[in-house]
C-alpha atoms as a PDB file:
ATOM      1  CA  MET A   1      11.787  12.702  -0.214  1.00  0.00           C
ATOM      2  CA  ASN A   2      11.249  13.742  -3.484  1.00  0.00           C
ATOM      3  CA  MET A   3      13.465  11.164  -4.654  1.00  0.00           C
ATOM      4  CA  ILE A   4      11.487   8.562  -2.776  1.00  0.00           C
ATOM      5  CA  MET A   5       8.518   9.882  -4.227  1.00  0.00           C
ATOM      6  CA  PHE A   6       9.609   9.225  -7.803  1.00  0.00           C
ATOM      7  CA  MET A   7      11.215   5.794  -7.553  1.00  0.00           C
ATOM      8  CA  LEU A   8       7.554   4.819  -5.808  1.00  0.00           C
ATOM      9  CA  THR A   9       5.543   6.530  -8.421  1.00  0.00           C
ATOM     10  CA  LEU A  10       7.941   5.066 -11.304  1.00  0.00           C
ATOM     11  CA  SER A  11       7.770   1.663 -10.418  1.00  0.00           C
ATOM     12  CA  LEU A  12       3.710   1.588  -9.669  1.00  0.00           C
ATOM     13  CA  THR A  13       3.137   3.241 -13.179  1.00  0.00           C
ATOM     14  CA  LEU A  14       5.872   0.481 -14.727  1.00  0.00           C
ATOM     15  CA  SER A  15       4.198  -2.228 -13.208  1.00  0.00           C
ATOM     16  CA  ILE A  16       0.716  -1.233 -14.408  1.00  0.00           C
ATOM     17  CA  VAL A  17       1.645  -0.691 -18.066  1.00  0.00           C
ATOM     18  CA  LEU A  18       3.864  -4.223 -18.318  1.00  0.00           C
ATOM     19  CA  THR A  19       0.511  -5.578 -16.265  1.00  0.00           C
ATOM     20  CA  THR A  20      -1.863  -4.140 -18.778  1.00  0.00           C
ATOM     21  CA  LEU A  21       0.520  -4.936 -21.892  1.00  0.00           C
ATOM     22  CA  ASN A  22       0.326  -8.059 -21.027  1.00  0.00           C
ATOM     23  CA  PHE A  23      -3.110  -8.387 -20.778  1.00  0.00           C
ATOM     24  CA  TRP A  24      -3.594  -7.005 -23.616  1.00  0.00           C
ATOM     25  CA  LEU A  25      -1.248  -8.546 -25.959  1.00  0.00           C
ATOM     26  CA  ALA A  26      -1.516 -12.239 -25.073  1.00  0.00           C
ATOM     27  CA  GLN A  27      -2.600 -14.535 -27.441  1.00  0.00           C
ATOM     28  CA  MET A  28      -5.050 -16.529 -25.326  1.00  0.00           C
ATOM     29  CA  ASN A  29      -6.457 -19.615 -27.467  1.00  0.00           C
ATOM     30  CA  PRO A  30      -6.820 -22.526 -25.196  1.00  0.00           C
ATOM     31  CA  ASP A  31      -7.234 -26.549 -27.295  1.00  0.00           C
ATOM     32  CA  SER A  32      -7.470 -29.811 -25.922  1.00  0.00           C
ATOM     33  CA  GLU A  33      -3.771 -30.682 -26.576  1.00  0.00           C
ATOM     34  CA  LYS A  34      -2.673 -27.292 -24.179  1.00  0.00           C
ATOM     35  CA  LEU A  35      -4.902 -27.850 -21.616  1.00  0.00           C
ATOM     36  CA  SER A  36      -4.132 -31.966 -20.975  1.00  0.00           C
ATOM     37  CA  PRO A  37      -1.765 -33.115 -18.571  1.00  0.00           C
ATOM     38  CA  TYR A  38       2.014 -34.634 -20.365  1.00  0.00           C
ATOM     39  CA  GLU A  39       2.425 -37.498 -19.583  1.00  0.00           C
ATOM     40  CA  CYS A  40       5.638 -38.787 -21.341  1.00  0.00           C
ATOM     41  CA  GLY A  41       3.630 -38.937 -24.521  1.00  0.00           C
ATOM     42  CA  PHE A  42       0.973 -41.567 -23.733  1.00  0.00           C
ATOM     43  CA  ASP A  43      -2.568 -40.493 -23.201  1.00  0.00           C
ATOM     44  CA  PRO A  44      -3.460 -39.181 -19.427  1.00  0.00           C
ATOM     45  CA  LEU A  45      -4.328 -42.462 -17.190  1.00  0.00           C
ATOM     46  CA  GLY A  46      -6.526 -39.582 -15.002  1.00  0.00           C
ATOM     47  CA  SER A  47      -7.218 -36.476 -13.350  1.00  0.00           C
ATOM     48  CA  ALA A  48      -3.694 -34.391 -12.765  1.00  0.00           C
ATOM     49  CA  ARG A  49      -5.773 -31.727 -11.157  1.00  0.00           C
ATOM     50  CA  LEU A  50      -5.858 -34.108  -7.571  1.00  0.00           C
ATOM     51  CA  PRO A  51      -6.986 -31.818  -4.906  1.00  0.00           C
ATOM     52  CA  PHE A  52      -3.511 -32.129  -2.480  1.00  0.00           C
ATOM     53  CA  SER A  53      -4.107 -32.368   1.554  1.00  0.00           C
ATOM     54  CA  ILE A  54      -3.510 -29.482   3.403  1.00  0.00           C
ATOM     55  CA  ARG A  55      -0.737 -31.455   5.790  1.00  0.00           C
ATOM     56  CA  PHE A  56       1.811 -31.671   2.859  1.00  0.00           C
ATOM     57  CA  PHE A  57       1.834 -27.487   2.654  1.00  0.00           C
ATOM     58  CA  LEU A  58       2.172 -27.156   6.352  1.00  0.00           C
ATOM     59  CA  VAL A  59       5.076 -29.198   6.301  1.00  0.00           C
ATOM     60  CA  ALA A  60       6.186 -27.520   3.665  1.00  0.00           C
ATOM     61  CA  ILE A  61       6.115 -24.074   5.316  1.00  0.00           C
ATOM     62  CA  LEU A  62       7.122 -25.588   8.415  1.00  0.00           C
ATOM     63  CA  PHE A  63       9.887 -26.371   6.337  1.00  0.00           C
ATOM     64  CA  LEU A  64      10.565 -22.622   5.140  1.00  0.00           C
ATOM     65  CA  LEU A  65      10.040 -21.525   8.176  1.00  0.00           C
ATOM     66  CA  PHE A  66      13.010 -23.038   9.789  1.00  0.00           C
ATOM     67  CA  ASP A  67      15.042 -22.678   7.140  1.00  0.00           C
ATOM     68  CA  LEU A  68      14.478 -18.581   7.447  1.00  0.00           C
ATOM     69  CA  GLU A  69      14.978 -19.238  10.946  1.00  0.00           C
ATOM     70  CA  ILE A  70      18.599 -20.516  10.290  1.00  0.00           C
ATOM     71  CA  ALA A  71      19.405 -17.960   7.438  1.00  0.00           C
ATOM     72  CA  LEU A  72      18.740 -15.377  10.237  1.00  0.00           C
ATOM     73  CA  LEU A  73      20.389 -17.038  13.097  1.00  0.00           C
ATOM     74  CA  LEU A  74      23.889 -17.677  10.874  1.00  0.00           C
ATOM     75  CA  PRO A  75      25.432 -14.089  11.810  1.00  0.00           C
ATOM     76  CA  LEU A  76      24.897 -14.377  15.285  1.00  0.00           C
ATOM     77  CA  PRO A  77      28.550 -15.506  16.232  1.00  0.00           C
ATOM     78  CA  TRP A  78      29.788 -12.413  14.746  1.00  0.00           C
ATOM     79  CA  ALA A  79      27.349 -10.542  15.857  1.00  0.00           C
ATOM     80  CA  ILE A  80      27.318 -11.280  19.100  1.00  0.00           C
ATOM     81  CA  GLN A  81      31.287  -8.512  19.190  1.00  0.00           C
ATOM     82  CA  LEU A  82      29.221  -5.718  18.520  1.00  0.00           C
ATOM     83  CA  GLN A  83      28.421  -2.534  20.525  1.00  0.00           C
ATOM     84  CA  SER A  84      25.746  -3.589  22.255  1.00  0.00           C
ATOM     85  CA  PRO A  85      25.676  -7.765  22.346  1.00  0.00           C
ATOM     86  CA  ILE A  86      22.801  -7.943  24.795  1.00  0.00           C
ATOM     87  CA  LEU A  87      20.216  -6.075  22.191  1.00  0.00           C
ATOM     88  CA  THR A  88      21.312  -8.952  19.504  1.00  0.00           C
ATOM     89  CA  PHE A  89      20.220 -12.001  22.290  1.00  0.00           C
ATOM     90  CA  THR A  90      17.254 -10.107  23.153  1.00  0.00           C
ATOM     91  CA  TRP A  91      16.044 -10.306  19.361  1.00  0.00           C
ATOM     92  CA  THR A  92      17.573 -13.762  18.803  1.00  0.00           C
ATOM     93  CA  SER A  93      15.575 -15.212  21.731  1.00  0.00           C
ATOM     94  CA  THR A  94      12.743 -13.471  21.444  1.00  0.00           C
ATOM     95  CA  LEU A  95      12.735 -14.981  17.547  1.00  0.00           C
ATOM     96  CA  ILE A  96      13.370 -18.098  18.878  1.00  0.00           C
ATOM     97  CA  ILE A  97      10.673 -17.814  21.645  1.00  0.00           C
ATOM     98  CA  ILE A  98       8.236 -16.457  18.978  1.00  0.00           C
ATOM     99  CA  LEU A  99       8.795 -19.943  17.056  1.00  0.00           C
ATOM    100  CA  THR A 100       8.738 -22.376  19.726  1.00  0.00           C
ATOM    101  CA  LEU A 101       5.305 -21.157  20.548  1.00  0.00           C
ATOM    102  CA  GLY A 102       4.579 -21.288  16.870  1.00  0.00           C
ATOM    103  CA  LEU A 103       5.270 -24.947  16.553  1.00  0.00           C
ATOM    104  CA  VAL A 104       3.833 -25.695  20.255  1.00  0.00           C
ATOM    105  CA  TYR A 105       0.409 -24.101  18.864  1.00  0.00           C
ATOM    106  CA  GLU A 106       0.687 -25.886  15.687  1.00  0.00           C
ATOM    107  CA  TRP A 107       1.247 -29.597  17.760  1.00  0.00           C
ATOM    108  CA  THR A 108      -1.324 -29.044  20.514  1.00  0.00           C
ATOM    109  CA  GLN A 109      -3.728 -28.522  17.895  1.00  0.00           C
ATOM    110  CA  GLY A 110      -3.179 -31.818  16.024  1.00  0.00           C
ATOM    111  CA  GLY A 111      -1.709 -29.896  12.837  1.00  0.00           C
ATOM    112  CA  LEU A 112       1.098 -32.208  12.873  1.00  0.00           C
ATOM    113  CA  GLU A 113      -0.765 -35.298  13.298  1.00  0.00           C
ATOM    114  CA  TRP A 114      -0.909 -37.249   9.990  1.00  0.00           C
ATOM    115  CA  ALA A 115      -3.648 -39.539  10.648  1.00  0.00           C
ATOM    116  CA  GLU A 116      -6.755 -38.314  11.981  1.00  0.00           C
END
């Protein structure tokens, strides 16, 4: 337990010191050239900071979520050969049910509709 507290204290202290050094030593002198968007050497035609639709972020999050599900379920055939395959099957089923319920909820709330 003493080693764990030492590692936590060391990592917290190191994080605080490095963050403080970053704010203290950083040279911040923004000008119009640094703040303007780069468009292949041409002058910007419009504002590069247009608001995004939340739908794009929702689709990206859903993709990452189900991609993570595949990564978690990939070792399942090997995990079935463990001492307690019923426990493995239970956790896998629980994960799939929770993700399916979340997808159904988003679908029924209209979060996956592109046109309103």
